[in-house]
PDB file of N, CA and C in Angstrom:
ATOM      1  N   UNK A   1      97.769 134.090 112.494  1.00  0.00           N
ATOM      2  CA  UNK A   1      98.344 133.754 111.211  1.00  0.00           C
ATOM      3  C   UNK A   1      99.856 133.566 111.307  1.00  0.00           C
ATOM      4  N   UNK A   2     100.465 134.189 112.288  1.00  0.00           N
ATOM      5  CA  UNK A   2     101.906 134.082 112.448  1.00  0.00           C
ATOM      6  C   UNK A   2     102.303 132.640 112.731  1.00  0.00           C
ATOM      7  N   UNK A   3     101.536 131.965 113.585  1.00  0.00           N
ATOM      8  CA  UNK A   3     101.841 130.575 113.905  1.00  0.00           C
ATOM      9  C   UNK A   3     101.732 129.713 112.656  1.00  0.00           C
ATOM     10  N   UNK A   4     100.698 129.947 111.847  1.00  0.00           N
ATOM     11  CA  UNK A   4     100.526 129.196 110.612  1.00  0.00           C
ATOM     12  C   UNK A   4     101.732 129.396 109.703  1.00  0.00           C
ATOM     13  N   UNK A   5     102.203 130.598 109.575  1.00  0.00           N
ATOM     14  CA  UNK A   5     103.356 130.897 108.729  1.00  0.00           C
ATOM     15  C   UNK A   5     104.603 130.169 109.216  1.00  0.00           C
ATOM     16  N   UNK A   6     104.826 130.165 110.509  1.00  0.00           N
ATOM     17  CA  UNK A   6     105.994 129.483 111.077  1.00  0.00           C
ATOM     18  C   UNK A   6     105.886 127.982 110.861  1.00  0.00           C
ATOM     19  N   UNK A   7     104.680 127.439 111.056  1.00  0.00           N
ATOM     20  CA  UNK A   7     104.480 126.012 110.855  1.00  0.00           C
ATOM     21  C   UNK A   7     104.714 125.629 109.403  1.00  0.00           C
ATOM     22  N   UNK A   8     104.247 126.450 108.481  1.00  0.00           N
ATOM     23  CA  UNK A   8     104.433 126.162 107.051  1.00  0.00           C
ATOM     24  C   UNK A   8     105.904 126.160 106.687  1.00  0.00           C
ATOM     25  N   UNK A   9     106.680 127.073 107.222  1.00  0.00           N
ATOM     26  CA  UNK A   9     108.107 127.109 106.925  1.00  0.00           C
ATOM     27  C   UNK A   9     108.786 125.829 107.406  1.00  0.00           C
ATOM     28  N   UNK A  10     108.412 125.366 108.579  1.00  0.00           N
ATOM     29  CA  UNK A  10     109.009 124.149 109.127  1.00  0.00           C
ATOM     30  C   UNK A  10     108.640 122.937 108.283  1.00  0.00           C
ATOM     31  N   UNK A  11     107.387 122.843 107.877  1.00  0.00           N
ATOM     32  CA  UNK A  11     106.946 121.697 107.077  1.00  0.00           C
ATOM     33  C   UNK A  11     107.518 121.730 105.668  1.00  0.00           C
ATOM     34  N   UNK A  12     107.613 122.900 105.074  1.00  0.00           N
ATOM     35  CA  UNK A  12     108.112 123.001 103.704  1.00  0.00           C
ATOM     36  C   UNK A  12     109.530 122.462 103.565  1.00  0.00           C
ATOM     37  N   UNK A  13     110.281 122.511 104.630  1.00  0.00           N
ATOM     38  CA  UNK A  13     111.665 122.065 104.587  1.00  0.00           C
ATOM     39  C   UNK A  13     111.784 120.548 104.441  1.00  0.00           C
ATOM     40  N   UNK A  14     110.735 119.795 104.812  1.00  0.00           N
ATOM     41  CA  UNK A  14     110.867 118.336 104.810  1.00  0.00           C
ATOM     42  C   UNK A  14     109.614 117.580 104.355  1.00  0.00           C
ATOM     43  N   UNK A  15     108.775 118.169 103.576  1.00  0.00           N
ATOM     44  CA  UNK A  15     107.530 117.541 103.152  1.00  0.00           C
ATOM     45  C   UNK A  15     107.697 116.850 101.797  1.00  0.00           C
ATOM     46  N   UNK A  16     107.183 115.620 101.712  1.00  0.00           N
ATOM     47  CA  UNK A  16     107.172 114.876 100.456  1.00  0.00           C
ATOM     48  C   UNK A  16     106.014 115.391  99.596  1.00  0.00           C
ATOM     49  N   UNK A  17     105.980 115.053  98.305  1.00  0.00           N
ATOM     50  CA  UNK A  17     104.850 115.497  97.468  1.00  0.00           C
ATOM     51  C   UNK A  17     103.492 115.064  98.025  1.00  0.00           C
ATOM     52  N   UNK A  18     103.415 113.834  98.528  1.00  0.00           N
ATOM     53  CA  UNK A  18     102.164 113.359  99.115  1.00  0.00           C
ATOM     54  C   UNK A  18     101.837 114.163 100.377  1.00  0.00           C
ATOM     55  N   UNK A  19     102.845 114.431 101.170  1.00  0.00           N
ATOM     56  CA  UNK A  19     102.656 115.215 102.386  1.00  0.00           C
ATOM     57  C   UNK A  19     102.272 116.653 102.077  1.00  0.00           C
ATOM     58  N   UNK A  20     102.808 117.188 100.969  1.00  0.00           N
ATOM     59  CA  UNK A  20     102.480 118.559 100.576  1.00  0.00           C
ATOM     60  C   UNK A  20     101.003 118.665 100.199  1.00  0.00           C
ATOM     61  N   UNK A  21     100.486 117.646  99.522  1.00  0.00           N
ATOM     62  CA  UNK A  21      99.065 117.654  99.143  1.00  0.00           C
ATOM     63  C   UNK A  21      98.190 117.603 100.392  1.00  0.00           C
ATOM     64  N   UNK A  22      98.577 116.772 101.340  1.00  0.00           N
ATOM     65  CA  UNK A  22      97.828 116.664 102.593  1.00  0.00           C
ATOM     66  C   UNK A  22      97.880 117.990 103.357  1.00  0.00           C
ATOM     67  N   UNK A  23      99.046 118.616 103.370  1.00  0.00           N
ATOM     68  CA  UNK A  23      99.202 119.886 104.077  1.00  0.00           C
ATOM     69  C   UNK A  23      98.350 120.977 103.425  1.00  0.00           C
ATOM     70  N   UNK A  24      98.252 120.954 102.092  1.00  0.00           N
ATOM     71  CA  UNK A  24      97.391 121.928 101.399  1.00  0.00           C
ATOM     72  C   UNK A  24      95.945 121.784 101.842  1.00  0.00           C
ATOM     73  N   UNK A  25      95.502 120.549 102.014  1.00  0.00           N
ATOM     74  CA  UNK A  25      94.129 120.307 102.455  1.00  0.00           C
ATOM     75  C   UNK A  25      93.904 120.832 103.872  1.00  0.00           C
ATOM     76  N   UNK A  26      94.882 120.640 104.728  1.00  0.00           N
ATOM     77  CA  UNK A  26      94.779 121.167 106.099  1.00  0.00           C
ATOM     78  C   UNK A  26      94.731 122.685 106.055  1.00  0.00           C
ATOM     79  N   UNK A  27      95.610 123.292 105.260  1.00  0.00           N
ATOM     80  CA  UNK A  27      95.640 124.756 105.145  1.00  0.00           C
ATOM     81  C   UNK A  27      94.323 125.299 104.601  1.00  0.00           C
ATOM     82  N   UNK A  28      93.757 124.610 103.596  1.00  0.00           N
ATOM     83  CA  UNK A  28      92.492 125.057 103.011  1.00  0.00           C
ATOM     84  C   UNK A  28      91.364 125.005 104.035  1.00  0.00           C
ATOM     85  N   UNK A  29      91.301 123.930 104.817  1.00  0.00           N
ATOM     86  CA  UNK A  29      90.258 123.814 105.839  1.00  0.00           C
ATOM     87  C   UNK A  29      90.455 124.872 106.919  1.00  0.00           C
ATOM     88  N   UNK A  30      91.690 125.072 107.323  1.00  0.00           N
ATOM     89  CA  UNK A  30      92.003 126.097 108.329  1.00  0.00           C
ATOM     90  C   UNK A  30      91.481 127.465 107.859  1.00  0.00           C
ATOM     91  N   UNK A  31      91.777 127.807 106.622  1.00  0.00           N
ATOM     92  CA  UNK A  31      91.337 129.100 106.079  1.00  0.00           C
ATOM     93  C   UNK A  31      89.818 129.181 105.958  1.00  0.00           C
ATOM     94  N   UNK A  32      89.162 128.099 105.538  1.00  0.00           N
ATOM     95  CA  UNK A  32      87.700 128.090 105.439  1.00  0.00           C
ATOM     96  C   UNK A  32      87.055 128.324 106.805  1.00  0.00           C
ATOM     97  N   UNK A  33      87.613 127.716 107.821  1.00  0.00           N
ATOM     98  CA  UNK A  33      87.048 127.867 109.162  1.00  0.00           C
ATOM     99  C   UNK A  33      87.194 129.287 109.684  1.00  0.00           C
ATOM    100  N   UNK A  34      88.286 129.931 109.332  1.00  0.00           N
ATOM    101  CA  UNK A  34      88.497 131.321 109.759  1.00  0.00           C
ATOM    102  C   UNK A  34      87.686 132.270 108.883  1.00  0.00           C
ATOM    103  N   UNK A  35      87.770 132.107 107.568  1.00  0.00           N
ATOM    104  CA  UNK A  35      87.055 132.995 106.650  1.00  0.00           C
ATOM    105  C   UNK A  35      85.541 132.919 106.847  1.00  0.00           C
ATOM    106  N   UNK A  36      85.044 131.728 107.175  1.00  0.00           N
ATOM    107  CA  UNK A  36      83.611 131.553 107.419  1.00  0.00           C
ATOM    108  C   UNK A  36      83.192 131.987 108.813  1.00  0.00           C
ATOM    109  N   UNK A  37      84.152 132.457 109.595  1.00  0.00           N
ATOM    110  CA  UNK A  37      83.924 132.931 110.963  1.00  0.00           C
ATOM    111  C   UNK A  37      83.367 131.846 111.884  1.00  0.00           C
ATOM    112  N   UNK A  38      83.778 130.590 111.629  1.00  0.00           N
ATOM    113  CA  UNK A  38      83.408 129.498 112.514  1.00  0.00           C
ATOM    114  C   UNK A  38      84.309 129.488 113.742  1.00  0.00           C
ATOM    115  N   UNK A  39      85.561 129.908 113.563  1.00  0.00           N
ATOM    116  CA  UNK A  39      86.556 129.992 114.632  1.00  0.00           C
ATOM    117  C   UNK A  39      87.436 131.209 114.377  1.00  0.00           C
ATOM    118  N   UNK A  40      88.111 131.665 115.414  1.00  0.00           N
ATOM    119  CA  UNK A  40      89.115 132.710 115.224  1.00  0.00           C
ATOM    120  C   UNK A  40      90.467 132.038 114.985  1.00  0.00           C
ATOM    121  N   UNK A  41      91.378 132.779 114.419  1.00  0.00           N
ATOM    122  CA  UNK A  41      92.729 132.249 114.194  1.00  0.00           C
ATOM    123  C   UNK A  41      93.377 131.891 115.528  1.00  0.00           C
ATOM    124  N   UNK A  42      93.131 132.698 116.536  1.00  0.00           N
ATOM    125  CA  UNK A  42      93.709 132.428 117.863  1.00  0.00           C
ATOM    126  C   UNK A  42      93.229 131.101 118.428  1.00  0.00           C
ATOM    127  N   UNK A  43      91.943 130.820 118.253  1.00  0.00           N
ATOM    128  CA  UNK A  43      91.402 129.544 118.746  1.00  0.00           C
ATOM    129  C   UNK A  43      92.064 128.372 118.042  1.00  0.00           C
ATOM    130  N   UNK A  44      92.109 128.429 116.723  1.00  0.00           N
ATOM    131  CA  UNK A  44      92.691 127.318 115.972  1.00  0.00           C
ATOM    132  C   UNK A  44      94.191 127.199 116.203  1.00  0.00           C
ATOM    133  N   UNK A  45      94.880 128.319 116.334  1.00  0.00           N
ATOM    134  CA  UNK A  45      96.321 128.271 116.610  1.00  0.00           C
ATOM    135  C   UNK A  45      96.593 127.591 117.943  1.00  0.00           C
ATOM    136  N   UNK A  46      95.791 127.914 118.954  1.00  0.00           N
ATOM    137  CA  UNK A  46      95.981 127.299 120.271  1.00  0.00           C
ATOM    138  C   UNK A  46      95.733 125.795 120.211  1.00  0.00           C
ATOM    139  N   UNK A  47      94.624 125.402 119.630  1.00  0.00           N
ATOM    140  CA  UNK A  47      94.264 123.982 119.595  1.00  0.00           C
ATOM    141  C   UNK A  47      95.248 123.178 118.751  1.00  0.00           C
ATOM    142  N   UNK A  48      95.643 123.711 117.590  1.00  0.00           N
ATOM    143  CA  UNK A  48      96.586 122.962 116.746  1.00  0.00           C
ATOM    144  C   UNK A  48      97.991 122.923 117.339  1.00  0.00           C
ATOM    145  N   UNK A  49      98.332 123.909 118.151  1.00  0.00           N
ATOM    146  CA  UNK A  49      99.655 123.847 118.799  1.00  0.00           C
ATOM    147  C   UNK A  49      99.668 122.778 119.889  1.00  0.00           C
ATOM    148  N   UNK A  50      98.509 122.458 120.446  1.00  0.00           N
ATOM    149  CA  UNK A  50      98.417 121.425 121.479  1.00  0.00           C
ATOM    150  C   UNK A  50      98.211 120.038 120.855  1.00  0.00           C
ATOM    151  N   UNK A  51      97.261 119.929 119.935  1.00  0.00           N
ATOM    152  CA  UNK A  51      96.859 118.626 119.400  1.00  0.00           C
ATOM    153  C   UNK A  51      97.466 118.286 118.047  1.00  0.00           C
ATOM    154  N   UNK A  52      98.172 119.202 117.426  1.00  0.00           N
ATOM    155  CA  UNK A  52      98.787 118.955 116.124  1.00  0.00           C
ATOM    156  C   UNK A  52      98.006 119.605 115.003  1.00  0.00           C
ATOM    157  N   UNK A  53      98.731 119.979 113.981  1.00  0.00           N
ATOM    158  CA  UNK A  53      98.150 120.666 112.829  1.00  0.00           C
ATOM    159  C   UNK A  53      97.729 119.620 111.812  1.00  0.00           C
ATOM    160  N   UNK A  54      96.456 119.186 111.909  1.00  0.00           N
ATOM    161  CA  UNK A  54      95.976 118.117 111.036  1.00  0.00           C
ATOM    162  C   UNK A  54      94.481 118.276 110.768  1.00  0.00           C
ATOM    163  N   UNK A  55      94.011 117.561 109.762  1.00  0.00           N
ATOM    164  CA  UNK A  55      92.586 117.529 109.447  1.00  0.00           C
ATOM    165  C   UNK A  55      91.810 116.995 110.648  1.00  0.00           C
ATOM    166  N   UNK A  56      92.342 115.958 111.289  1.00  0.00           N
ATOM    167  CA  UNK A  56      91.647 115.373 112.438  1.00  0.00           C
ATOM    168  C   UNK A  56      91.443 116.386 113.553  1.00  0.00           C
ATOM    169  N   UNK A  57      92.461 117.179 113.826  1.00  0.00           N
ATOM    170  CA  UNK A  57      92.339 118.200 114.868  1.00  0.00           C
ATOM    171  C   UNK A  57      91.285 119.233 114.498  1.00  0.00           C
ATOM    172  N   UNK A  58      91.299 119.687 113.250  1.00  0.00           N
ATOM    173  CA  UNK A  58      90.314 120.677 112.817  1.00  0.00           C
ATOM    174  C   UNK A  58      88.903 120.093 112.829  1.00  0.00           C
ATOM    175  N   UNK A  59      88.767 118.831 112.431  1.00  0.00           N
ATOM    176  CA  UNK A  59      87.463 118.178 112.498  1.00  0.00           C
ATOM    177  C   UNK A  59      86.993 118.013 113.947  1.00  0.00           C
ATOM    178  N   UNK A  60      87.932 117.769 114.865  1.00  0.00           N
ATOM    179  CA  UNK A  60      87.577 117.698 116.284  1.00  0.00           C
ATOM    180  C   UNK A  60      87.029 119.031 116.776  1.00  0.00           C
ATOM    181  N   UNK A  61      87.608 120.126 116.289  1.00  0.00           N
ATOM    182  CA  UNK A  61      87.118 121.459 116.646  1.00  0.00           C
ATOM    183  C   UNK A  61      85.686 121.653 116.154  1.00  0.00           C
ATOM    184  N   UNK A  62      85.445 121.243 114.916  1.00  0.00           N
ATOM    185  CA  UNK A  62      84.106 121.356 114.337  1.00  0.00           C
ATOM    186  C   UNK A  62      83.110 120.547 115.159  1.00  0.00           C
ATOM    187  N   UNK A  63      83.497 119.342 115.526  1.00  0.00           N
ATOM    188  CA  UNK A  63      82.597 118.480 116.293  1.00  0.00           C
ATOM    189  C   UNK A  63      82.320 119.075 117.681  1.00  0.00           C
ATOM    190  N   UNK A  64      83.366 119.556 118.328  1.00  0.00           N
ATOM    191  CA  UNK A  64      83.201 120.094 119.682  1.00  0.00           C
ATOM    192  C   UNK A  64      82.272 121.307 119.711  1.00  0.00           C
ATOM    193  N   UNK A  65      82.372 122.166 118.718  1.00  0.00           N
ATOM    194  CA  UNK A  65      81.563 123.387 118.719  1.00  0.00           C
ATOM    195  C   UNK A  65      80.203 123.209 118.055  1.00  0.00           C
ATOM    196  N   UNK A  66      80.162 122.472 116.946  1.00  0.00           N
ATOM    197  CA  UNK A  66      78.936 122.436 116.137  1.00  0.00           C
ATOM    198  C   UNK A  66      78.249 121.073 116.070  1.00  0.00           C
ATOM    199  N   UNK A  67      78.932 120.011 116.476  1.00  0.00           N
ATOM    200  CA  UNK A  67      78.330 118.687 116.480  1.00  0.00           C
ATOM    201  C   UNK A  67      78.378 117.960 115.149  1.00  0.00           C
ATOM    202  N   UNK A  68      79.101 118.497 114.169  1.00  0.00           N
ATOM    203  CA  UNK A  68      79.255 117.840 112.873  1.00  0.00           C
ATOM    204  C   UNK A  68      80.605 117.144 112.822  1.00  0.00           C
ATOM    205  N   UNK A  69      80.672 116.066 112.068  1.00  0.00           N
ATOM    206  CA  UNK A  69      81.908 115.273 111.991  1.00  0.00           C
ATOM    207  C   UNK A  69      82.997 115.941 111.174  1.00  0.00           C
ATOM    208  N   UNK A  70      82.605 116.754 110.179  1.00  0.00           N
ATOM    209  CA  UNK A  70      83.611 117.429 109.356  1.00  0.00           C
ATOM    210  C   UNK A  70      82.982 118.650 108.674  1.00  0.00           C
ATOM    211  N   UNK A  71      83.807 119.374 107.953  1.00  0.00           N
ATOM    212  CA  UNK A  71      83.367 120.619 107.309  1.00  0.00           C
ATOM    213  C   UNK A  71      82.287 120.357 106.261  1.00  0.00           C
ATOM    214  N   UNK A  72      82.439 119.299 105.476  1.00  0.00           N
ATOM    215  CA  UNK A  72      81.461 118.998 104.430  1.00  0.00           C
ATOM    216  C   UNK A  72      80.088 118.706 105.027  1.00  0.00           C
ATOM    217  N   UNK A  73      80.047 117.961 106.108  1.00  0.00           N
ATOM    218  CA  UNK A  73      78.766 117.688 106.757  1.00  0.00           C
ATOM    219  C   UNK A  73      78.151 118.975 107.296  1.00  0.00           C
ATOM    220  N   UNK A  74      78.973 119.815 107.881  1.00  0.00           N
ATOM    221  CA  UNK A  74      78.488 121.074 108.438  1.00  0.00           C
ATOM    222  C   UNK A  74      77.924 121.970 107.344  1.00  0.00           C
ATOM    223  N   UNK A  75      78.632 122.082 106.234  1.00  0.00           N
ATOM    224  CA  UNK A  75      78.160 122.926 105.139  1.00  0.00           C
ATOM    225  C   UNK A  75      76.909 122.350 104.464  1.00  0.00           C
ATOM    226  N   UNK A  76      76.776 121.036 104.452  1.00  0.00           N
ATOM    227  CA  UNK A  76      75.620 120.400 103.866  1.00  0.00           C
ATOM    228  C   UNK A  76      74.352 120.636 104.665  1.00  0.00           C
ATOM    229  N   UNK A  77      74.499 120.952 105.939  1.00  0.00           N
ATOM    230  CA  UNK A  77      73.353 121.179 106.811  1.00  0.00           C
ATOM    231  C   UNK A  77      72.844 122.609 106.763  1.00  0.00           C
ATOM    232  N   UNK A  78      73.616 123.513 106.185  1.00  0.00           N
ATOM    233  CA  UNK A  78      73.189 124.926 106.149  1.00  0.00           C
ATOM    234  C   UNK A  78      72.096 125.152 105.144  1.00  0.00           C
TER     235      UNK A  78
END
């Protein structure tokens, strides 16, 4: 969670309103993946520090582990 906090501080300094909405969506998906115990915070922190903190990166994680294209598809299959 520490990495997420540091990243949020950096983005908050220069995010446009449109960018802020996009960042909220990334943050919400990040939290859903951790709260649902699909990934640990350490796993997501490592991957997003390498590939970037974005919806695409988080969706890539979902695909690599579970074979679904995104969170909505994964939840629809449960």
